[in-house]
Amino acid sequence: MKFRIKVTLCMISLMAILFAIGGTALIYNSFENSMAREISSAQKSYDMILNTLKIVNNTSTWSSADDICDTIKQISSQNESFCAMRLSSKDEVIYASGEAVDIYQDLSSHADSTHVSYIVISDRDKYFLQLCGTFNVGISLMYLDAAYDITSVYVMHQEQQQTYIRIFCVLITLC
């Protein structure tokens, strides 16, 4: 093989490798930025709900678990950000609604009054951001879990990867 052909093949290979690395890095950064925005948005919505429950608890005394459940139902009907909510104490689940409640992880050991913990959970082709925080009702510590649907971020990531693979294959074929 002639030297000119070897150099050309090396340059094409080098360009393909650099394109692969650069494209992968761009897709990864795009995904990370989208996840950060979704997490921030979910935390703000969650904080609003949790602070509302704390304010309601301070201004009125809940006499039963039904009162708390009614308040959560009213709040969640006005805030459509979350697709599932669960209120529990250490011993029992007091209120649960939504499609992702069955796949919730136990985050109670990671949450406290100053820290909201979160984790990404999945069920088949759906992805959720589960957030967990605490508040006091009288002397009882309550855990509020909420699931925020982030499937669109993962779908966008998969679409970007598929587009990238198609473009990469076309470029390799043309070169």
N, C-alpha and C. Protein backbone atom coordinates (compact mmCIF):
# COMPACT_ATOMS: atom_id res chain seq x y z
N MET A 1 0.85 -1.17 0.00
CA MET A 1 0.00 0.00 0.00
C MET A 1 0.90 1.24 0.00
N LYS A 2 0.49 2.22 -0.73
CA LYS A 2 1.27 3.44 -0.84
C LYS A 2 1.16 4.27 0.44
N PHE A 3 2.19 5.03 0.63
CA PHE A 3 2.26 5.88 1.82
C PHE A 3 1.09 6.87 1.86
N ARG A 4 0.71 7.42 0.75
CA ARG A 4 -0.38 8.40 0.66
C ARG A 4 -1.71 7.77 1.13
N ILE A 5 -1.96 6.54 0.74
CA ILE A 5 -3.20 5.85 1.14
C ILE A 5 -3.18 5.56 2.64
N LYS A 6 -2.02 5.16 3.14
CA LYS A 6 -1.89 4.89 4.57
C LYS A 6 -2.16 6.15 5.38
N VAL A 7 -1.60 7.27 4.97
CA VAL A 7 -1.82 8.54 5.67
C VAL A 7 -3.29 8.93 5.60
N THR A 8 -3.92 8.76 4.44
CA THR A 8 -5.33 9.10 4.29
C THR A 8 -6.20 8.25 5.22
N LEU A 9 -5.93 6.95 5.26
CA LEU A 9 -6.69 6.06 6.14
C LEU A 9 -6.47 6.41 7.61
N CYS A 10 -5.27 6.74 7.96
CA CYS A 10 -4.97 7.15 9.35
C CYS A 10 -5.72 8.44 9.70
N MET A 11 -5.75 9.39 8.79
CA MET A 11 -6.46 10.66 9.04
C MET A 11 -7.96 10.42 9.17
N ILE A 12 -8.51 9.59 8.31
CA ILE A 12 -9.94 9.28 8.40
C ILE A 12 -10.25 8.58 9.71
N SER A 13 -9.40 7.64 10.10
CA SER A 13 -9.59 6.93 11.38
C SER A 13 -9.50 7.90 12.55
N LEU A 14 -8.52 8.78 12.50
CA LEU A 14 -8.36 9.77 13.57
C LEU A 14 -9.57 10.69 13.65
N MET A 15 -10.05 11.15 12.50
CA MET A 15 -11.24 12.01 12.48
C MET A 15 -12.47 11.26 13.01
N ALA A 16 -12.60 10.00 12.66
CA ALA A 16 -13.73 9.20 13.14
C ALA A 16 -13.68 9.05 14.66
N ILE A 17 -12.49 8.79 15.18
CA ILE A 17 -12.34 8.65 16.63
C ILE A 17 -12.65 9.97 17.34
N LEU A 18 -12.11 11.06 16.82
CA LEU A 18 -12.37 12.37 17.43
C LEU A 18 -13.85 12.75 17.34
N PHE A 19 -14.48 12.47 16.22
CA PHE A 19 -15.91 12.72 16.07
C PHE A 19 -16.71 11.88 17.06
N ALA A 20 -16.30 10.63 17.24
CA ALA A 20 -17.00 9.74 18.19
C ALA A 20 -16.87 10.27 19.62
N ILE A 21 -15.69 10.67 20.00
CA ILE A 21 -15.46 11.19 21.35
C ILE A 21 -16.22 12.50 21.56
N GLY A 22 -16.12 13.40 20.60
CA GLY A 22 -16.81 14.69 20.71
C GLY A 22 -18.32 14.54 20.75
N GLY A 23 -18.86 13.72 19.88
CA GLY A 23 -20.31 13.51 19.85
C GLY A 23 -20.82 12.89 21.13
N THR A 24 -20.08 11.90 21.63
CA THR A 24 -20.47 11.25 22.89
C THR A 24 -20.43 12.26 24.04
N ALA A 25 -19.41 13.09 24.08
CA ALA A 25 -19.31 14.09 25.14
C ALA A 25 -20.46 15.10 25.07
N LEU A 26 -20.81 15.53 23.86
CA LEU A 26 -21.94 16.47 23.71
C LEU A 26 -23.26 15.86 24.15
N ILE A 27 -23.50 14.62 23.78
CA ILE A 27 -24.74 13.94 24.17
C ILE A 27 -24.78 13.76 25.69
N TYR A 28 -23.65 13.37 26.28
CA TYR A 28 -23.58 13.19 27.73
C TYR A 28 -23.84 14.51 28.45
N ASN A 29 -23.21 15.59 28.00
CA ASN A 29 -23.41 16.90 28.64
C ASN A 29 -24.85 17.38 28.49
N SER A 30 -25.44 17.15 27.34
CA SER A 30 -26.84 17.52 27.13
C SER A 30 -27.75 16.76 28.10
N PHE A 31 -27.50 15.48 28.25
CA PHE A 31 -28.30 14.66 29.17
C PHE A 31 -28.12 15.13 30.61
N GLU A 32 -26.89 15.37 31.01
CA GLU A 32 -26.62 15.82 32.38
C GLU A 32 -27.29 17.17 32.66
N ASN A 33 -27.22 18.09 31.70
CA ASN A 33 -27.86 19.41 31.88
C ASN A 33 -29.38 19.28 31.96
N SER A 34 -29.96 18.44 31.13
CA SER A 34 -31.41 18.21 31.18
C SER A 34 -31.82 17.61 32.51
N MET A 35 -31.04 16.64 32.99
CA MET A 35 -31.35 16.02 34.29
C MET A 35 -31.24 17.05 35.41
N ALA A 36 -30.23 17.88 35.37
CA ALA A 36 -30.05 18.90 36.41
C ALA A 36 -31.24 19.87 36.42
N ARG A 37 -31.72 20.27 35.24
CA ARG A 37 -32.88 21.16 35.16
C ARG A 37 -34.13 20.47 35.71
N GLU A 38 -34.34 19.21 35.36
CA GLU A 38 -35.51 18.48 35.84
C GLU A 38 -35.45 18.28 37.35
N ILE A 39 -34.28 17.95 37.86
CA ILE A 39 -34.13 17.77 39.31
C ILE A 39 -34.39 19.08 40.03
N SER A 40 -33.86 20.18 39.53
CA SER A 40 -34.09 21.49 40.13
C SER A 40 -35.57 21.85 40.12
N SER A 41 -36.22 21.64 39.01
CA SER A 41 -37.65 21.93 38.89
C SER A 41 -38.46 21.06 39.85
N ALA A 42 -38.12 19.78 39.91
CA ALA A 42 -38.84 18.87 40.81
C ALA A 42 -38.63 19.26 42.27
N GLN A 43 -37.40 19.63 42.62
CA GLN A 43 -37.13 20.01 44.00
C GLN A 43 -37.88 21.29 44.38
N LYS A 44 -37.97 22.24 43.47
CA LYS A 44 -38.72 23.46 43.76
C LYS A 44 -40.20 23.17 43.96
N SER A 45 -40.77 22.35 43.11
CA SER A 45 -42.18 21.99 43.26
C SER A 45 -42.40 21.20 44.54
N TYR A 46 -41.48 20.30 44.83
CA TYR A 46 -41.59 19.49 46.04
C TYR A 46 -41.47 20.36 47.29
N ASP A 47 -40.51 21.27 47.29
CA ASP A 47 -40.35 22.18 48.43
C ASP A 47 -41.61 23.02 48.65
N MET A 48 -42.25 23.44 47.57
CA MET A 48 -43.48 24.21 47.70
C MET A 48 -44.56 23.38 48.39
N ILE A 49 -44.70 22.13 47.98
CA ILE A 49 -45.72 21.26 48.60
C ILE A 49 -45.37 20.99 50.06
N LEU A 50 -44.11 20.67 50.32
CA LEU A 50 -43.70 20.37 51.69
C LEU A 50 -43.86 21.60 52.60
N ASN A 51 -43.48 22.77 52.11
CA ASN A 51 -43.64 24.00 52.91
C ASN A 51 -45.11 24.33 53.13
N THR A 52 -45.95 24.07 52.13
CA THR A 52 -47.39 24.28 52.30
C THR A 52 -47.93 23.38 53.40
N LEU A 53 -47.51 22.12 53.40
CA LEU A 53 -47.96 21.19 54.46
C LEU A 53 -47.47 21.65 55.83
N LYS A 54 -46.25 22.16 55.90
CA LYS A 54 -45.73 22.65 57.18
C LYS A 54 -46.52 23.87 57.66
N ILE A 55 -46.85 24.77 56.74
CA ILE A 55 -47.63 25.96 57.11
C ILE A 55 -49.03 25.57 57.56
N VAL A 56 -49.66 24.67 56.83
CA VAL A 56 -51.01 24.22 57.22
C VAL A 56 -50.95 23.54 58.58
N ASN A 57 -49.92 22.75 58.82
CA ASN A 57 -49.77 22.09 60.11
C ASN A 57 -49.59 23.10 61.24
N ASN A 58 -48.88 24.20 60.98
CA ASN A 58 -48.66 25.21 62.01
C ASN A 58 -49.90 26.05 62.28
N THR A 59 -50.74 26.26 61.26
CA THR A 59 -51.91 27.11 61.44
C THR A 59 -53.14 26.36 61.91
N SER A 60 -53.22 25.07 61.61
CA SER A 60 -54.38 24.30 62.06
C SER A 60 -53.90 22.93 62.54
N THR A 61 -54.65 22.37 63.44
CA THR A 61 -54.28 21.08 63.98
C THR A 61 -55.05 20.00 63.25
N TRP A 62 -54.31 19.05 62.69
CA TRP A 62 -54.96 17.93 62.04
C TRP A 62 -55.40 16.95 63.12
N SER A 63 -56.67 16.61 63.11
CA SER A 63 -57.18 15.72 64.14
C SER A 63 -57.07 14.25 63.76
N SER A 64 -56.95 13.97 62.45
CA SER A 64 -56.84 12.58 62.03
C SER A 64 -56.02 12.48 60.75
N ALA A 65 -55.71 11.26 60.38
CA ALA A 65 -54.97 11.02 59.15
C ALA A 65 -55.79 11.44 57.93
N ASP A 66 -57.12 11.35 58.05
CA ASP A 66 -57.99 11.76 56.94
C ASP A 66 -57.83 13.25 56.63
N ASP A 67 -57.64 14.06 57.67
CA ASP A 67 -57.44 15.50 57.45
C ASP A 67 -56.16 15.76 56.66
N ILE A 68 -55.10 15.05 57.00
CA ILE A 68 -53.84 15.20 56.29
C ILE A 68 -54.01 14.74 54.84
N CYS A 69 -54.68 13.61 54.65
CA CYS A 69 -54.91 13.08 53.29
C CYS A 69 -55.72 14.05 52.45
N ASP A 70 -56.74 14.66 53.04
CA ASP A 70 -57.54 15.64 52.31
C ASP A 70 -56.70 16.83 51.88
N THR A 71 -55.84 17.29 52.77
CA THR A 71 -54.96 18.42 52.44
C THR A 71 -54.02 18.05 51.29
N ILE A 72 -53.44 16.86 51.35
CA ILE A 72 -52.53 16.43 50.29
C ILE A 72 -53.27 16.27 48.98
N LYS A 73 -54.49 15.74 49.02
CA LYS A 73 -55.30 15.62 47.79
C LYS A 73 -55.55 16.98 47.17
N GLN A 74 -55.89 17.97 48.00
CA GLN A 74 -56.14 19.32 47.49
C GLN A 74 -54.88 19.92 46.88
N ILE A 75 -53.76 19.75 47.55
CA ILE A 75 -52.50 20.30 47.04
C ILE A 75 -52.10 19.60 45.74
N SER A 76 -52.19 18.29 45.72
CA SER A 76 -51.76 17.55 44.52
C SER A 76 -52.69 17.77 43.34
N SER A 77 -53.96 18.08 43.59
CA SER A 77 -54.86 18.36 42.46
C SER A 77 -54.54 19.71 41.82
N GLN A 78 -53.95 20.62 42.58
CA GLN A 78 -53.57 21.93 42.05
C GLN A 78 -52.18 21.93 41.43
N ASN A 79 -51.36 20.97 41.83
CA ASN A 79 -49.99 20.88 41.33
C ASN A 79 -49.84 19.57 40.57
N GLU A 80 -49.84 19.66 39.25
CA GLU A 80 -49.80 18.46 38.43
C GLU A 80 -48.37 18.02 38.09
N SER A 81 -47.40 18.56 38.78
CA SER A 81 -46.00 18.20 38.51
C SER A 81 -45.70 16.76 38.90
N PHE A 82 -46.35 16.29 39.93
CA PHE A 82 -46.04 14.96 40.45
C PHE A 82 -47.11 13.95 40.04
N CYS A 83 -46.65 12.79 39.60
CA CYS A 83 -47.58 11.76 39.14
C CYS A 83 -47.93 10.77 40.24
N ALA A 84 -47.25 10.84 41.38
CA ALA A 84 -47.56 9.96 42.50
C ALA A 84 -47.10 10.62 43.80
N MET A 85 -47.85 10.36 44.87
CA MET A 85 -47.47 10.87 46.19
C MET A 85 -47.78 9.81 47.24
N ARG A 86 -46.94 9.80 48.26
CA ARG A 86 -47.16 8.89 49.38
C ARG A 86 -46.76 9.59 50.67
N LEU A 87 -47.63 9.50 51.66
CA LEU A 87 -47.35 10.02 52.99
C LEU A 87 -47.29 8.84 53.94
N SER A 88 -46.23 8.79 54.72
CA SER A 88 -46.08 7.67 55.65
C SER A 88 -45.40 8.11 56.93
N SER A 89 -45.61 7.32 57.94
CA SER A 89 -44.85 7.48 59.18
C SER A 89 -43.84 6.33 59.20
N LYS A 90 -43.14 6.17 60.27
CA LYS A 90 -42.18 5.06 60.36
C LYS A 90 -42.88 3.71 60.25
N ASP A 91 -44.13 3.65 60.73
CA ASP A 91 -44.82 2.37 60.85
C ASP A 91 -45.77 2.04 59.71
N GLU A 92 -46.39 3.07 59.11
CA GLU A 92 -47.45 2.77 58.15
C GLU A 92 -47.54 3.82 57.04
N VAL A 93 -48.16 3.40 55.95
CA VAL A 93 -48.46 4.31 54.86
C VAL A 93 -49.83 4.91 55.14
N ILE A 94 -49.90 6.23 55.17
CA ILE A 94 -51.14 6.93 55.51
C ILE A 94 -51.91 7.29 54.25
N TYR A 95 -51.17 7.67 53.21
CA TYR A 95 -51.82 8.09 51.97
C TYR A 95 -50.91 7.69 50.81
N ALA A 96 -51.52 7.17 49.74
CA ALA A 96 -50.77 6.83 48.54
C ALA A 96 -51.66 7.00 47.33
N SER A 97 -51.12 7.65 46.29
CA SER A 97 -51.87 7.78 45.05
C SER A 97 -50.89 7.90 43.90
N GLY A 98 -51.28 7.43 42.73
CA GLY A 98 -50.46 7.58 41.54
C GLY A 98 -49.86 6.28 41.07
N GLU A 99 -49.32 6.34 39.86
CA GLU A 99 -48.83 5.15 39.20
C GLU A 99 -47.48 4.64 39.69
N ALA A 100 -46.66 5.48 40.26
CA ALA A 100 -45.31 5.07 40.63
C ALA A 100 -45.18 4.65 42.09
N VAL A 101 -46.27 4.66 42.84
CA VAL A 101 -46.21 4.34 44.26
C VAL A 101 -45.69 2.93 44.50
N ASP A 102 -46.01 2.01 43.62
CA ASP A 102 -45.61 0.61 43.80
C ASP A 102 -44.11 0.40 43.68
N ILE A 103 -43.40 1.28 43.02
CA ILE A 103 -41.96 1.09 42.82
C ILE A 103 -41.10 2.03 43.67
N TYR A 104 -41.72 2.73 44.61
CA TYR A 104 -40.97 3.63 45.48
C TYR A 104 -39.88 2.87 46.23
N GLN A 105 -38.75 3.53 46.39
CA GLN A 105 -37.66 3.04 47.23
C GLN A 105 -37.82 3.66 48.62
N ASP A 106 -37.25 3.02 49.62
CA ASP A 106 -37.31 3.57 50.97
C ASP A 106 -36.16 4.57 51.15
N LEU A 107 -36.50 5.86 51.14
CA LEU A 107 -35.49 6.91 51.30
C LEU A 107 -35.57 7.57 52.67
N SER A 108 -36.36 7.01 53.55
CA SER A 108 -36.59 7.65 54.86
C SER A 108 -35.31 7.81 55.67
N SER A 109 -34.36 6.90 55.50
CA SER A 109 -33.12 7.02 56.28
C SER A 109 -32.21 8.14 55.75
N HIS A 110 -32.47 8.62 54.54
CA HIS A 110 -31.64 9.67 53.94
C HIS A 110 -32.27 11.06 54.04
N ALA A 111 -33.53 11.12 54.44
CA ALA A 111 -34.24 12.40 54.49
C ALA A 111 -34.34 12.90 55.93
N ASP A 112 -34.29 14.21 56.09
CA ASP A 112 -34.54 14.83 57.38
C ASP A 112 -35.20 16.18 57.14
N SER A 113 -35.37 16.95 58.18
CA SER A 113 -36.11 18.21 58.05
C SER A 113 -35.37 19.25 57.21
N THR A 114 -34.08 19.08 57.02
CA THR A 114 -33.32 20.06 56.24
C THR A 114 -32.84 19.52 54.90
N HIS A 115 -33.03 18.23 54.65
CA HIS A 115 -32.49 17.61 53.44
C HIS A 115 -33.57 16.77 52.75
N VAL A 116 -33.77 17.06 51.48
CA VAL A 116 -34.67 16.26 50.64
C VAL A 116 -33.80 15.30 49.85
N SER A 117 -34.07 14.02 49.99
CA SER A 117 -33.30 13.03 49.23
C SER A 117 -34.06 12.66 47.97
N TYR A 118 -33.32 12.23 46.96
CA TYR A 118 -33.96 11.83 45.71
C TYR A 118 -33.19 10.70 45.05
N ILE A 119 -33.90 9.98 44.19
CA ILE A 119 -33.32 8.88 43.44
C ILE A 119 -34.12 8.70 42.15
N VAL A 120 -33.47 8.23 41.11
CA VAL A 120 -34.16 7.93 39.86
C VAL A 120 -34.62 6.48 39.93
N ILE A 121 -35.90 6.26 39.70
CA ILE A 121 -36.46 4.91 39.69
C ILE A 121 -37.11 4.67 38.33
N SER A 122 -37.19 3.42 37.95
CA SER A 122 -37.79 3.12 36.64
C SER A 122 -38.75 1.95 36.75
N ASP A 123 -39.71 1.97 35.87
CA ASP A 123 -40.70 0.91 35.77
C ASP A 123 -40.97 0.71 34.28
N ARG A 124 -40.49 -0.40 33.76
CA ARG A 124 -40.57 -0.69 32.32
C ARG A 124 -39.90 0.42 31.53
N ASP A 125 -40.65 1.17 30.74
CA ASP A 125 -40.07 2.24 29.91
C ASP A 125 -40.29 3.62 30.50
N LYS A 126 -40.67 3.72 31.76
CA LYS A 126 -40.91 5.02 32.40
C LYS A 126 -39.86 5.25 33.47
N TYR A 127 -39.46 6.52 33.57
CA TYR A 127 -38.47 6.92 34.58
C TYR A 127 -39.08 8.00 35.45
N PHE A 128 -38.81 7.89 36.75
CA PHE A 128 -39.35 8.84 37.72
C PHE A 128 -38.23 9.30 38.65
N LEU A 129 -38.36 10.55 39.08
CA LEU A 129 -37.49 11.08 40.11
C LEU A 129 -38.29 11.03 41.41
N GLN A 130 -37.86 10.19 42.33
CA GLN A 130 -38.54 10.08 43.62
C GLN A 130 -37.86 11.00 44.60
N LEU A 131 -38.66 11.87 45.24
CA LEU A 131 -38.14 12.79 46.25
C LEU A 131 -38.76 12.43 47.59
N CYS A 132 -37.99 12.56 48.65
CA CYS A 132 -38.49 12.24 49.99
C CYS A 132 -38.00 13.30 50.98
N GLY A 133 -38.93 13.79 51.77
CA GLY A 133 -38.60 14.76 52.81
C GLY A 133 -39.47 14.50 54.04
N THR A 134 -39.21 15.23 55.09
CA THR A 134 -39.93 15.00 56.35
C THR A 134 -40.56 16.30 56.85
N PHE A 135 -41.60 16.12 57.65
CA PHE A 135 -42.17 17.22 58.42
C PHE A 135 -42.86 16.62 59.63
N ASN A 136 -43.06 17.45 60.63
CA ASN A 136 -43.67 16.98 61.88
C ASN A 136 -45.15 17.31 61.91
N VAL A 137 -45.93 16.35 62.38
CA VAL A 137 -47.34 16.55 62.66
C VAL A 137 -47.50 16.23 64.14
N GLY A 138 -47.58 17.29 64.94
CA GLY A 138 -47.56 17.07 66.38
C GLY A 138 -46.19 16.54 66.77
N ILE A 139 -46.19 15.37 67.40
CA ILE A 139 -44.91 14.75 67.76
C ILE A 139 -44.51 13.66 66.77
N SER A 140 -45.34 13.42 65.77
CA SER A 140 -45.05 12.36 64.78
C SER A 140 -44.25 12.91 63.61
N LEU A 141 -43.27 12.15 63.20
CA LEU A 141 -42.48 12.50 62.03
C LEU A 141 -43.11 11.83 60.81
N MET A 142 -43.41 12.63 59.80
CA MET A 142 -44.03 12.13 58.57
C MET A 142 -43.04 12.22 57.41
N TYR A 143 -43.15 11.27 56.50
CA TYR A 143 -42.33 11.24 55.29
C TYR A 143 -43.23 11.45 54.09
N LEU A 144 -42.89 12.42 53.28
CA LEU A 144 -43.65 12.69 52.07
C LEU A 144 -42.78 12.31 50.87
N ASP A 145 -43.24 11.30 50.13
CA ASP A 145 -42.57 10.87 48.90
C ASP A 145 -43.39 11.38 47.73
N ALA A 146 -42.70 11.83 46.69
CA ALA A 146 -43.37 12.28 45.48
C ALA A 146 -42.57 11.81 44.27
N ALA A 147 -43.28 11.43 43.22
CA ALA A 147 -42.62 10.97 41.99
C ALA A 147 -42.86 11.97 40.88
N TYR A 148 -41.79 12.38 40.24
CA TYR A 148 -41.80 13.35 39.16
C TYR A 148 -41.39 12.61 37.89
N ASP A 149 -42.22 12.64 36.87
CA ASP A 149 -41.97 11.90 35.64
C ASP A 149 -40.85 12.57 34.83
N ILE A 150 -39.75 11.83 34.63
CA ILE A 150 -38.62 12.35 33.85
C ILE A 150 -38.36 11.49 32.61
N THR A 151 -39.38 10.77 32.18
CA THR A 151 -39.24 9.91 31.02
C THR A 151 -38.81 10.69 29.79
N SER A 152 -39.30 11.90 29.64
CA SER A 152 -38.97 12.70 28.45
C SER A 152 -37.47 12.96 28.33
N VAL A 153 -36.77 13.09 29.44
CA VAL A 153 -35.31 13.31 29.40
C VAL A 153 -34.61 12.07 28.84
N TYR A 154 -35.05 10.90 29.29
CA TYR A 154 -34.44 9.67 28.80
C TYR A 154 -34.80 9.40 27.34
N VAL A 155 -36.02 9.73 26.94
CA VAL A 155 -36.43 9.56 25.54
C VAL A 155 -35.58 10.48 24.64
N MET A 156 -35.40 11.73 25.07
CA MET A 156 -34.58 12.67 24.30
C MET A 156 -33.14 12.15 24.19
N HIS A 157 -32.61 11.61 25.27
CA HIS A 157 -31.26 11.06 25.28
C HIS A 157 -31.13 9.90 24.29
N GLN A 158 -32.11 9.01 24.28
CA GLN A 158 -32.09 7.88 23.34
C GLN A 158 -32.19 8.37 21.89
N GLU A 159 -33.03 9.36 21.65
CA GLU A 159 -33.16 9.91 20.30
C GLU A 159 -31.85 10.55 19.84
N GLN A 160 -31.19 11.27 20.73
CA GLN A 160 -29.90 11.87 20.39
C GLN A 160 -28.87 10.81 20.05
N GLN A 161 -28.85 9.74 20.83
CA GLN A 161 -27.90 8.66 20.56
C GLN A 161 -28.18 8.00 19.21
N GLN A 162 -29.44 7.76 18.90
CA GLN A 162 -29.79 7.14 17.62
C GLN A 162 -29.42 8.05 16.46
N THR A 163 -29.70 9.33 16.59
CA THR A 163 -29.33 10.28 15.53
C THR A 163 -27.83 10.32 15.35
N TYR A 164 -27.11 10.34 16.44
CA TYR A 164 -25.65 10.37 16.39
C TYR A 164 -25.11 9.13 15.70
N ILE A 165 -25.64 7.96 16.01
CA ILE A 165 -25.18 6.71 15.39
C ILE A 165 -25.44 6.72 13.89
N ARG A 166 -26.61 7.22 13.49
CA ARG A 166 -26.93 7.31 12.05
C ARG A 166 -25.94 8.23 11.33
N ILE A 167 -25.71 9.40 11.88
CA ILE A 167 -24.78 10.36 11.26
C ILE A 167 -23.38 9.77 11.21
N PHE A 168 -22.97 9.14 12.28
CA PHE A 168 -21.63 8.54 12.34
C PHE A 168 -21.48 7.46 11.27
N CYS A 169 -22.48 6.61 11.12
CA CYS A 169 -22.43 5.54 10.10
C CYS A 169 -22.38 6.13 8.68
N VAL A 170 -23.17 7.19 8.45
CA VAL A 170 -23.14 7.83 7.13
C VAL A 170 -21.77 8.43 6.86
N LEU A 171 -21.19 9.10 7.83
CA LEU A 171 -19.86 9.70 7.63
C LEU A 171 -18.80 8.64 7.39
N ILE A 172 -18.85 7.56 8.13
CA ILE A 172 -17.87 6.48 7.95
C ILE A 172 -18.04 5.87 6.56
N THR A 173 -19.28 5.70 6.14
CA THR A 173 -19.55 5.12 4.82
C THR A 173 -19.04 6.04 3.71
N LEU A 174 -19.26 7.34 3.85
CA LEU A 174 -18.83 8.29 2.83
C LEU A 174 -17.31 8.44 2.75
N CYS A 175 -16.68 8.30 3.88
CA CYS A 175 -15.23 8.47 3.90
C CYS A 175 -14.58 7.17 3.50
